[in-house]
């Protein structure tokens, strides 16, 4: 009982086990003649030379023209970076062809036997061939691999073995998609390897997402363009953007059980729109209460439930006609709603209460409320373990509850406030957006243990795993 357009991928991947510090602010979303560039870096796990680099400058070259980039890290320690990807730079640059990156080093410290030496450096910097073609409003991911080299003998300058690579894109079932608002993109994450492998330009200010398994389509609410981007999840290409009404400012979305209808919650116009996924045509809409924040679909009857924070209600609507049905008013400032798997049990959390409320929709009765350490703004239900996971930003944790009998398990402690979260289709992996550090934390759901941290950059909003 519940008690109290297209995107190219050429990533700069350096698997670095570096701490999540010194993250700079990303540039604004690209204009029609600009492109967002993500540069990732990794060190192979089998490296053997202990080396530390101090990065003095980083430039992107187009012939003789040089564009300075702002590194997010200046010191790269191979021993700390091996086996993990880091984001080295994120910039908005003009569209065009860029043939190289120029890295100037301020210092190299490497081990030579029992000694620590500082080999001489190339005064002209180190050139990394890129051959990157950036077209307007696209997103490019460049992956770099650094293989630390032995120090040279005599007065020879240090050889920085740094090159680009194109990491393989794993099967769809191993991917996660993260909407990143500043760059107007969806970043594609290999959640098994813990690295970004691609990026997809979808438009200004992408937020909520929904995934259709039967159609293998990813739907992205593009708030800045009042539209819905449709991405082919197999080819990772933007197929089209369906326009909504001016000022809709769409955010959260949900699909019906058959994936035939996409329901879009529009914060700007305080409306709920129903869209036929086959034709991507709006078929009906209705007005909702003030401050719409979240939407959930009854897995049995298909009824839609919308949390309206400023209205102080959870409103329900008929899935076919969008005619209002009933309201739940027992929660102050509701911001999140979720169903417990295939059961008709609805759980609601509010921004002004440290509680989660449960409702049995079969009987119409309340399941009670359970206290938390702070307000939970995001929820996810794990049907495999029958557990409810609540992201609590004020406590830097994800609470783990079993609403069937009111049990609360040890929370998943985090190093910064959590944002939106989700599970993979197998319910074995928990993915959490970490807003402050602009990262994606990937946990084993059954143990709560951290398996990897993926650096996203910018402002990540939503994560979804097919």
Protein backbone atom coordinates (compact mmCIF):
# COMPACT_ATOMS: atom_id res chain seq x y z
CA UNK A 1 0.00 0.00 0.00
CA UNK A 2 1.29 3.47 -0.83
CA UNK A 3 1.46 5.16 2.55
CA UNK A 4 2.51 8.63 3.76
CA UNK A 5 17.80 17.96 -41.55
CA UNK A 6 20.16 15.78 -41.46
CA UNK A 7 23.20 15.26 -39.52
CA UNK A 8 26.63 14.01 -40.05
CA UNK A 9 28.60 12.22 -37.48
CA UNK A 10 32.31 12.41 -37.19
CA UNK A 11 32.92 12.43 -33.49
CA UNK A 12 35.96 13.46 -31.59
CA UNK A 13 35.91 10.72 -29.00
CA UNK A 14 38.51 10.42 -26.27
CA UNK A 15 37.47 7.91 -23.64
CA UNK A 16 38.50 9.92 -20.61
CA UNK A 17 37.86 9.09 -17.02
CA UNK A 18 38.10 12.77 -16.13
CA UNK A 19 35.97 14.47 -13.48
CA UNK A 20 32.94 16.46 -14.55
CA UNK A 21 34.37 19.93 -13.91
CA UNK A 22 35.38 22.97 -15.89
CA UNK A 23 32.36 22.78 -18.17
CA UNK A 24 31.85 26.04 -20.06
CA UNK A 25 28.62 27.49 -21.39
CA UNK A 26 27.74 26.53 -24.95
CA UNK A 27 26.94 28.93 -27.75
CA UNK A 28 23.40 29.79 -28.83
CA UNK A 29 21.47 27.71 -31.31
CA UNK A 30 22.87 27.99 -34.85
CA UNK A 31 21.42 30.35 -37.44
CA UNK A 32 20.68 29.54 -41.09
CA UNK A 33 24.37 29.88 -42.07
CA UNK A 34 25.89 28.27 -39.02
CA UNK A 35 26.36 24.83 -37.55
CA UNK A 36 26.93 23.42 -34.07
CA UNK A 37 30.11 21.43 -33.71
CA UNK A 38 30.63 18.89 -30.93
CA UNK A 39 34.24 17.71 -30.49
CA UNK A 40 34.65 14.58 -28.38
CA UNK A 41 37.88 12.98 -27.19
CA UNK A 42 38.85 9.59 -25.88
CA UNK A 43 41.93 7.61 -24.88
CA UNK A 44 41.99 3.87 -25.64
CA UNK A 45 41.63 1.65 -22.62
CA UNK A 46 44.85 -0.19 -23.51
CA UNK A 47 47.12 2.88 -23.39
CA UNK A 48 50.45 2.33 -21.59
CA UNK A 49 52.26 5.69 -21.54
CA UNK A 50 51.53 7.93 -18.54
CA UNK A 51 51.14 11.40 -20.06
CA UNK A 52 49.61 14.74 -19.16
CA UNK A 53 48.89 17.43 -21.76
CA UNK A 54 48.24 21.10 -21.12
CA UNK A 55 46.17 22.47 -23.99
CA UNK A 56 47.09 26.06 -24.85
CA UNK A 57 44.68 26.62 -27.76
CA UNK A 58 42.39 24.86 -30.20
CA UNK A 59 41.56 26.11 -33.69
CA UNK A 60 39.39 24.92 -36.55
CA UNK A 61 40.98 25.57 -39.96
CA UNK A 62 39.47 26.19 -43.37
CA UNK A 63 42.50 26.65 -45.59
CA UNK A 64 44.33 29.65 -44.17
CA UNK A 65 41.36 30.83 -42.14
CA UNK A 66 41.41 29.87 -38.45
CA UNK A 67 38.45 29.86 -36.07
CA UNK A 68 39.43 29.75 -32.38
CA UNK A 69 37.54 27.21 -30.28
CA UNK A 70 37.14 27.28 -26.51
CA UNK A 71 38.29 24.01 -24.92
CA UNK A 72 36.14 22.86 -22.03
CA UNK A 73 39.27 21.36 -20.45
CA UNK A 74 42.84 22.55 -20.51
CA UNK A 75 44.59 19.66 -18.80
CA UNK A 76 44.25 16.15 -20.18
CA UNK A 77 45.60 13.31 -18.04
CA UNK A 78 45.74 10.05 -19.95
CA UNK A 79 45.61 7.89 -16.83
CA UNK A 80 42.36 9.57 -15.78
CA UNK A 81 40.82 9.62 -19.22
CA UNK A 82 41.31 6.07 -20.43
CA UNK A 83 38.07 4.28 -21.19
CA UNK A 84 35.78 7.30 -21.19
CA UNK A 85 34.59 9.91 -23.65
CA UNK A 86 34.72 13.62 -22.84
CA UNK A 87 33.39 16.68 -24.59
CA UNK A 88 36.44 18.74 -25.54
CA UNK A 89 34.61 21.63 -27.22
CA UNK A 90 31.15 22.72 -28.35
CA UNK A 91 30.90 25.71 -30.68
CA UNK A 92 28.59 27.35 -33.18
CA UNK A 93 30.59 27.97 -36.37
CA UNK A 94 29.87 29.16 -39.89
CA UNK A 95 28.87 26.56 -42.47
CA UNK A 96 31.64 25.44 -44.82
CA UNK A 97 34.44 22.94 -45.30
CA UNK A 98 37.04 22.58 -42.55
CA UNK A 99 40.12 20.53 -43.22
CA UNK A 100 41.91 20.43 -39.89
CA UNK A 101 42.10 21.13 -36.19
CA UNK A 102 45.20 22.83 -34.79
CA UNK A 103 46.14 22.03 -31.21
CA UNK A 104 48.82 24.06 -29.48
CA UNK A 105 50.23 22.52 -26.32
CA UNK A 106 51.61 24.50 -23.41
CA UNK A 107 53.26 21.53 -21.72
CA UNK A 108 53.64 17.77 -21.97
CA UNK A 109 54.72 15.70 -18.98
CA UNK A 110 55.38 12.03 -19.61
CA UNK A 111 57.03 9.08 -17.91
CA UNK A 112 60.30 7.72 -19.34
CA UNK A 113 61.21 4.67 -17.31
CA UNK A 114 61.50 5.88 -13.73
CA UNK A 115 61.84 9.51 -14.74
CA UNK A 116 59.35 12.26 -15.53
CA UNK A 117 60.35 14.35 -18.54
CA UNK A 118 59.05 17.36 -20.47
CA UNK A 119 59.81 16.77 -24.16
CA UNK A 120 60.13 19.70 -26.59
CA UNK A 121 56.95 20.71 -28.45
CA UNK A 122 56.22 21.75 -32.00
CA UNK A 123 56.07 25.52 -32.08
CA UNK A 124 53.55 25.45 -34.93
CA UNK A 125 51.14 23.20 -33.03
CA UNK A 126 49.75 19.82 -33.95
CA UNK A 127 47.50 19.31 -36.97
CA UNK A 128 44.61 16.85 -36.92
CA UNK A 129 43.01 16.26 -40.33
CA UNK A 130 39.22 16.51 -40.18
CA UNK A 131 37.71 16.97 -43.68
CA UNK A 132 34.43 18.19 -42.17
CA UNK A 133 31.67 19.60 -44.36
CA UNK A 134 29.28 21.75 -42.35
CA UNK A 135 26.02 22.81 -44.00
CA UNK A 136 23.62 25.37 -42.61
CA UNK A 137 21.68 24.45 -39.46
CA UNK A 138 23.32 21.04 -39.18
CA UNK A 139 25.03 19.41 -36.23
CA UNK A 140 28.42 17.76 -36.59
CA UNK A 141 30.01 15.38 -34.12
CA UNK A 142 33.76 14.92 -34.43
CA UNK A 143 35.45 12.08 -32.59
CA UNK A 144 39.13 12.24 -31.69
CA UNK A 145 41.30 9.47 -30.33
CA UNK A 146 44.53 10.27 -28.51
CA UNK A 147 47.08 7.47 -28.18
CA UNK A 148 49.83 8.62 -25.76
CA UNK A 149 53.28 8.11 -27.27
CA UNK A 150 56.70 7.49 -25.67
CA UNK A 151 58.82 10.59 -25.16
CA UNK A 152 61.28 11.25 -28.00
CA UNK A 153 64.99 10.62 -27.73
CA UNK A 154 67.27 13.67 -27.76
CA UNK A 155 65.90 16.98 -29.01
CA UNK A 156 63.13 15.57 -31.21
CA UNK A 157 59.77 17.21 -30.65
CA UNK A 158 56.96 15.31 -29.02
CA UNK A 159 54.69 13.30 -31.33
CA UNK A 160 51.03 13.83 -30.45
CA UNK A 161 49.23 10.80 -31.84
CA UNK A 162 45.77 12.31 -32.25
CA UNK A 163 43.41 11.39 -35.06
CA UNK A 164 39.74 11.38 -35.96
CA UNK A 165 37.63 8.27 -36.00
CA UNK A 166 34.05 7.37 -36.86
CA UNK A 167 32.68 5.19 -34.06
CA UNK A 168 30.20 2.52 -35.09
CA UNK A 169 26.54 3.24 -34.43
CA UNK A 170 25.18 0.26 -32.49
CA UNK A 171 21.77 -1.35 -33.05
CA UNK A 172 18.72 0.73 -32.21
CA UNK A 173 18.13 -1.23 -29.01
CA UNK A 174 21.46 -0.02 -27.61
CA UNK A 175 20.83 3.67 -28.26
CA UNK A 176 19.49 6.57 -26.25
CA UNK A 177 18.39 9.94 -27.61
CA UNK A 178 18.94 13.20 -25.74
CA UNK A 179 17.34 16.49 -26.81
CA UNK A 180 19.81 19.38 -26.42
CA UNK A 181 18.16 22.78 -26.43
CA UNK A 182 21.08 25.13 -27.11
CA UNK A 183 22.32 23.44 -30.27
CA UNK A 184 18.86 22.55 -31.56
CA UNK A 185 19.83 18.91 -31.81
CA UNK A 186 19.19 15.39 -30.63
CA UNK A 187 22.40 13.63 -29.62
CA UNK A 188 22.58 9.88 -30.21
CA UNK A 189 24.19 7.95 -27.36
CA UNK A 190 25.58 4.42 -27.36
CA UNK A 191 24.37 3.68 -23.86
CA UNK A 192 26.38 0.45 -23.61
CA UNK A 193 29.71 2.06 -24.48
CA UNK A 194 28.77 5.32 -22.79
CA UNK A 195 29.58 7.66 -25.67
CA UNK A 196 27.94 10.06 -28.10
CA UNK A 197 28.06 8.63 -31.61
CA UNK A 198 25.94 11.03 -33.65
CA UNK A 199 23.86 14.18 -33.66
CA UNK A 200 20.68 15.18 -35.48
CA UNK A 201 19.70 18.79 -36.14
CA UNK A 202 15.97 19.10 -35.41
CA UNK A 203 15.35 22.83 -34.89
CA UNK A 204 15.30 25.57 -32.28
CA UNK A 205 14.79 24.51 -28.65
CA UNK A 206 13.98 20.77 -28.77
CA UNK A 207 12.37 19.49 -25.58
CA UNK A 208 10.13 16.48 -24.98
CA UNK A 209 10.28 13.33 -27.09
CA UNK A 210 8.23 10.22 -27.79
CA UNK A 211 9.26 7.01 -29.54
CA UNK A 212 7.08 4.69 -31.64
CA UNK A 213 8.43 1.15 -31.68
CA UNK A 214 6.06 -0.05 -34.46
CA UNK A 215 7.01 2.85 -36.74
CA UNK A 216 10.59 3.21 -35.48
CA UNK A 217 10.10 6.97 -35.40
CA UNK A 218 11.30 9.51 -32.87
CA UNK A 219 9.07 12.53 -32.32
CA UNK A 220 10.65 15.69 -30.93
CA UNK A 221 8.78 18.74 -29.64
CA UNK A 222 10.62 21.70 -31.18
CA UNK A 223 9.38 24.53 -28.96
CA UNK A 224 11.26 27.35 -30.67
CA UNK A 225 9.66 26.52 -34.02
CA UNK A 226 6.21 25.47 -32.77
CA UNK A 227 6.55 22.12 -34.50
CA UNK A 228 7.12 18.39 -34.18
CA UNK A 229 10.26 16.94 -35.76
CA UNK A 230 10.02 13.37 -37.06
CA UNK A 231 13.27 11.40 -37.02
CA UNK A 232 13.84 7.99 -38.61
CA UNK A 233 15.40 6.10 -35.70
CA UNK A 234 17.12 3.60 -38.00
CA UNK A 235 18.82 6.04 -40.35
CA UNK A 236 19.11 8.84 -37.75
CA UNK A 237 17.80 11.35 -40.25
CA UNK A 238 15.27 14.13 -39.88
CA UNK A 239 12.33 13.26 -42.13
CA UNK A 240 10.15 16.30 -41.69
CA UNK A 241 8.94 18.94 -39.25
CA UNK A 242 5.21 19.25 -38.79
CA UNK A 243 4.10 22.81 -37.98
CA UNK A 244 1.77 23.48 -35.07
CA UNK A 245 0.03 26.76 -34.26
CA UNK A 246 2.04 29.90 -33.63
CA UNK A 247 2.79 30.23 -29.93
CA UNK A 248 2.04 26.59 -29.07
CA UNK A 249 5.48 26.07 -27.49
CA UNK A 250 5.15 22.25 -27.36
CA UNK A 251 6.90 20.25 -24.67
CA UNK A 252 5.74 16.88 -23.33
CA UNK A 253 4.24 14.23 -25.61
CA UNK A 254 2.71 10.76 -25.39
CA UNK A 255 1.61 8.06 -27.82
CA UNK A 256 -1.49 5.89 -27.58
CA UNK A 257 -1.05 2.13 -27.26
CA UNK A 258 -1.06 1.55 -31.03
CA UNK A 259 1.25 4.50 -31.81
CA UNK A 260 -1.45 5.72 -34.19
CA UNK A 261 -1.98 9.00 -32.35
CA UNK A 262 0.58 11.36 -30.91
CA UNK A 263 -0.65 13.66 -28.13
CA UNK A 264 1.22 16.92 -27.76
CA UNK A 265 1.03 19.14 -24.70
CA UNK A 266 1.47 22.78 -25.70
CA UNK A 267 2.56 24.98 -22.81
CA UNK A 268 2.34 28.26 -24.73
CA UNK A 269 -1.26 27.89 -25.91
CA UNK A 270 -2.46 25.76 -22.96
CA UNK A 271 -3.72 23.11 -25.33
CA UNK A 272 -3.60 19.39 -26.02
CA UNK A 273 -3.32 18.39 -29.68
CA UNK A 274 -3.93 14.95 -31.22
CA UNK A 275 -1.86 14.13 -34.31
CA UNK A 276 -2.24 11.12 -36.61
CA UNK A 277 1.24 9.61 -36.85
CA UNK A 278 0.74 8.12 -40.33
CA UNK A 279 -0.13 11.42 -41.97
CA UNK A 280 1.31 13.79 -39.35
CA UNK A 281 -1.86 15.85 -39.52
CA UNK A 282 -3.52 17.41 -36.51
CA UNK A 283 -6.93 15.83 -36.08
CA UNK A 284 -8.23 17.64 -32.99
CA UNK A 285 -7.23 19.76 -30.01
CA UNK A 286 -8.65 21.03 -26.76
CA UNK A 287 -7.83 23.58 -24.09
CA UNK A 288 -6.20 22.46 -20.84
CA UNK A 289 -5.63 24.16 -17.52
CA UNK A 290 -3.01 26.77 -16.68
CA UNK A 291 0.58 25.57 -16.48
CA UNK A 292 0.41 22.21 -18.33
CA UNK A 293 3.51 20.26 -17.37
CA UNK A 294 3.11 16.53 -18.02
CA UNK A 295 0.91 13.99 -19.77
CA UNK A 296 0.25 10.27 -19.23
CA UNK A 297 -1.93 7.76 -21.08
CA UNK A 298 -4.08 5.21 -19.24
CA UNK A 299 -2.70 1.85 -20.51
CA UNK A 300 -6.13 0.20 -20.32
CA UNK A 301 -8.70 2.79 -21.38
CA UNK A 302 -6.43 5.23 -23.19
CA UNK A 303 -7.67 8.20 -21.14
CA UNK A 304 -5.26 11.13 -21.10
CA UNK A 305 -4.15 12.72 -17.84
CA UNK A 306 -2.57 16.18 -17.83
CA UNK A 307 -0.85 17.77 -14.82
CA UNK A 308 -1.65 21.51 -14.75
CA UNK A 309 0.62 23.14 -12.20
CA UNK A 310 -0.96 26.59 -11.89
CA UNK A 311 -4.51 25.27 -12.23
CA UNK A 312 -3.82 22.93 -9.32
CA UNK A 313 -5.47 20.00 -11.12
CA UNK A 314 -4.79 16.78 -12.94
CA UNK A 315 -7.30 16.85 -15.79
CA UNK A 316 -8.44 13.82 -17.80
CA UNK A 317 -9.63 13.70 -21.43
CA UNK A 318 -11.26 11.14 -23.70
CA UNK A 319 -8.57 9.86 -26.11
CA UNK A 320 -10.77 10.02 -29.20
CA UNK A 321 -12.71 13.24 -28.77
CA UNK A 322 -10.45 15.00 -26.24
CA UNK A 323 -13.63 15.83 -24.31
CA UNK A 324 -12.81 16.59 -20.64
CA UNK A 325 -13.76 13.90 -18.19
CA UNK A 326 -12.83 14.39 -14.54
CA UNK A 327 -10.23 16.19 -12.46
CA UNK A 328 -8.05 15.31 -9.49
CA UNK A 329 -7.59 18.26 -7.14
CA UNK A 330 -5.91 16.66 -4.13
CA UNK A 331 -2.41 17.67 -5.24
CA UNK A 332 -1.01 21.17 -4.91
CA UNK A 333 0.71 22.39 -8.09
CA UNK A 334 0.94 19.00 -9.91
CA UNK A 335 3.88 18.74 -12.32
CA UNK A 336 4.25 15.04 -13.12
CA UNK A 337 1.96 12.06 -13.75
CA UNK A 338 2.87 8.45 -14.46
CA UNK A 339 1.08 5.09 -14.59
CA UNK A 340 2.28 1.96 -12.83
CA UNK A 341 2.90 -0.21 -15.86
CA UNK A 342 -0.28 -1.82 -17.17
CA UNK A 343 -2.18 -1.19 -13.93
CA UNK A 344 -4.66 1.65 -13.69
CA UNK A 345 -2.77 3.21 -10.84
CA UNK A 346 -1.78 6.82 -11.36
CA UNK A 347 0.97 8.55 -9.40
CA UNK A 348 1.25 12.31 -9.18
CA UNK A 349 3.83 14.68 -7.74
CA UNK A 350 3.66 18.43 -7.22
CA UNK A 351 6.20 21.24 -7.14
CA UNK A 352 5.00 22.49 -3.75
CA UNK A 353 4.86 19.22 -1.81
CA UNK A 354 7.41 16.64 -0.71
CA UNK A 355 5.01 13.83 -1.52
CA UNK A 356 3.91 11.38 -4.18
CA UNK A 357 0.17 10.70 -4.34
CA UNK A 358 -1.35 7.51 -5.70
CA UNK A 359 -4.82 6.93 -7.18
CA UNK A 360 -6.57 3.67 -8.10
CA UNK A 361 -8.56 4.55 -11.22
CA UNK A 362 -10.47 1.25 -11.17
CA UNK A 363 -12.07 1.94 -7.79
CA UNK A 364 -11.73 5.72 -7.78
CA UNK A 365 -9.99 5.53 -4.42
CA UNK A 366 -6.81 7.14 -3.19
CA UNK A 367 -3.76 5.01 -2.50
CA UNK A 368 -2.35 7.48 -0.05
CA UNK A 369 0.80 9.57 -0.19
CA UNK A 370 4.42 8.98 0.66
CA UNK A 371 6.82 11.63 1.94
CA UNK A 372 10.08 12.39 0.18
CA UNK A 373 13.12 14.51 1.04
CA UNK A 374 11.97 17.21 -1.38
CA UNK A 375 9.63 17.88 -4.32
CA UNK A 376 9.90 15.34 -7.15
CA UNK A 377 9.42 16.98 -10.53
CA UNK A 378 10.03 13.87 -12.66
CA UNK A 379 8.84 10.27 -12.29
CA UNK A 380 9.43 6.97 -14.07
CA UNK A 381 7.88 3.58 -13.31
CA UNK A 382 9.88 0.39 -13.71
CA UNK A 383 7.35 -2.32 -14.59
CA UNK A 384 9.94 -5.09 -14.29
CA UNK A 385 10.73 -4.34 -10.63
CA UNK A 386 7.36 -2.69 -9.88
CA UNK A 387 9.23 0.33 -8.54
CA UNK A 388 8.64 4.04 -8.87
CA UNK A 389 11.68 6.28 -9.40
CA UNK A 390 11.45 9.98 -8.49
CA UNK A 391 14.02 12.62 -9.44
CA UNK A 392 14.47 14.99 -6.48
CA UNK A 393 16.67 17.91 -7.45
CA UNK A 394 16.86 19.50 -3.99
CA UNK A 395 18.34 16.31 -2.53
CA UNK A 396 20.61 15.30 -5.44
CA UNK A 397 19.01 11.88 -5.56
CA UNK A 398 16.56 9.57 -7.28
CA UNK A 399 14.18 8.05 -4.75
CA UNK A 400 13.22 4.39 -5.29
CA UNK A 401 9.80 3.30 -4.04
CA UNK A 402 7.54 0.28 -4.33
CA UNK A 403 4.05 1.78 -4.29
CA UNK A 404 2.26 -1.56 -4.01
CA UNK A 405 3.30 -1.94 -0.37
CA UNK A 406 4.74 1.47 0.48
CA UNK A 407 8.35 0.32 0.69
CA UNK A 408 11.13 2.83 0.15
CA UNK A 409 14.53 1.56 -0.91
CA UNK A 410 17.92 3.21 -0.63
CA UNK A 411 17.94 6.23 -2.94
CA UNK A 412 20.35 6.58 -5.84
CA UNK A 413 22.71 9.33 -4.73
CA UNK A 414 23.96 11.70 -7.43
CA UNK A 415 26.63 14.39 -7.61
CA UNK A 416 24.24 17.06 -8.89
CA UNK A 417 20.49 17.68 -9.24
CA UNK A 418 18.68 15.19 -11.52
CA UNK A 419 16.32 16.21 -14.31
CA UNK A 420 14.13 14.04 -16.52
CA UNK A 421 14.67 10.30 -16.44
CA UNK A 422 13.59 7.18 -18.29
CA UNK A 423 14.14 3.43 -18.59
CA UNK A 424 15.16 1.44 -21.60
CA UNK A 425 12.64 -0.91 -23.18
CA UNK A 426 13.95 -3.85 -21.15
CA UNK A 427 13.59 -1.87 -17.90
CA UNK A 428 17.16 -2.75 -16.93
CA UNK A 429 18.83 0.62 -17.45
CA UNK A 430 17.95 3.92 -15.80
CA UNK A 431 18.98 7.07 -17.67
CA UNK A 432 18.99 10.42 -15.87
CA UNK A 433 19.57 13.90 -17.28
CA UNK A 434 21.93 15.87 -15.02
CA UNK A 435 21.14 19.50 -15.79
CA UNK A 436 23.88 21.25 -13.80
CA UNK A 437 26.72 19.22 -15.32
CA UNK A 438 25.04 18.83 -18.74
CA UNK A 439 25.55 15.07 -18.64
CA UNK A 440 23.60 11.83 -18.96
CA UNK A 441 24.03 9.40 -16.06
CA UNK A 442 23.42 5.74 -16.89
CA UNK A 443 22.64 3.34 -14.04
CA UNK A 444 21.90 -0.36 -13.69
CA UNK A 445 18.26 -0.18 -12.62
CA UNK A 446 18.24 -3.27 -10.41
CA UNK A 447 21.27 -2.22 -8.32
CA UNK A 448 21.24 1.53 -8.79
CA UNK A 449 24.94 1.48 -9.60
CA UNK A 450 26.42 4.00 -12.00
CA UNK A 451 27.74 2.40 -15.19
CA UNK A 452 28.77 5.50 -17.16
CA UNK A 453 28.45 9.27 -17.45
CA UNK A 454 28.08 10.75 -20.93
CA UNK A 455 28.94 14.41 -21.45
CA UNK A 456 26.20 16.06 -23.49
CA UNK A 457 27.01 19.77 -23.19
CA UNK A 458 24.66 22.69 -23.67
CA UNK A 459 21.25 22.24 -22.05
CA UNK A 460 20.03 18.63 -22.21
CA UNK A 461 16.29 18.37 -21.71
CA UNK A 462 14.86 14.89 -22.25
CA UNK A 463 16.23 11.37 -22.68
CA UNK A 464 14.45 8.45 -24.29
CA UNK A 465 15.67 4.89 -24.94
CA UNK A 466 14.00 2.69 -27.60
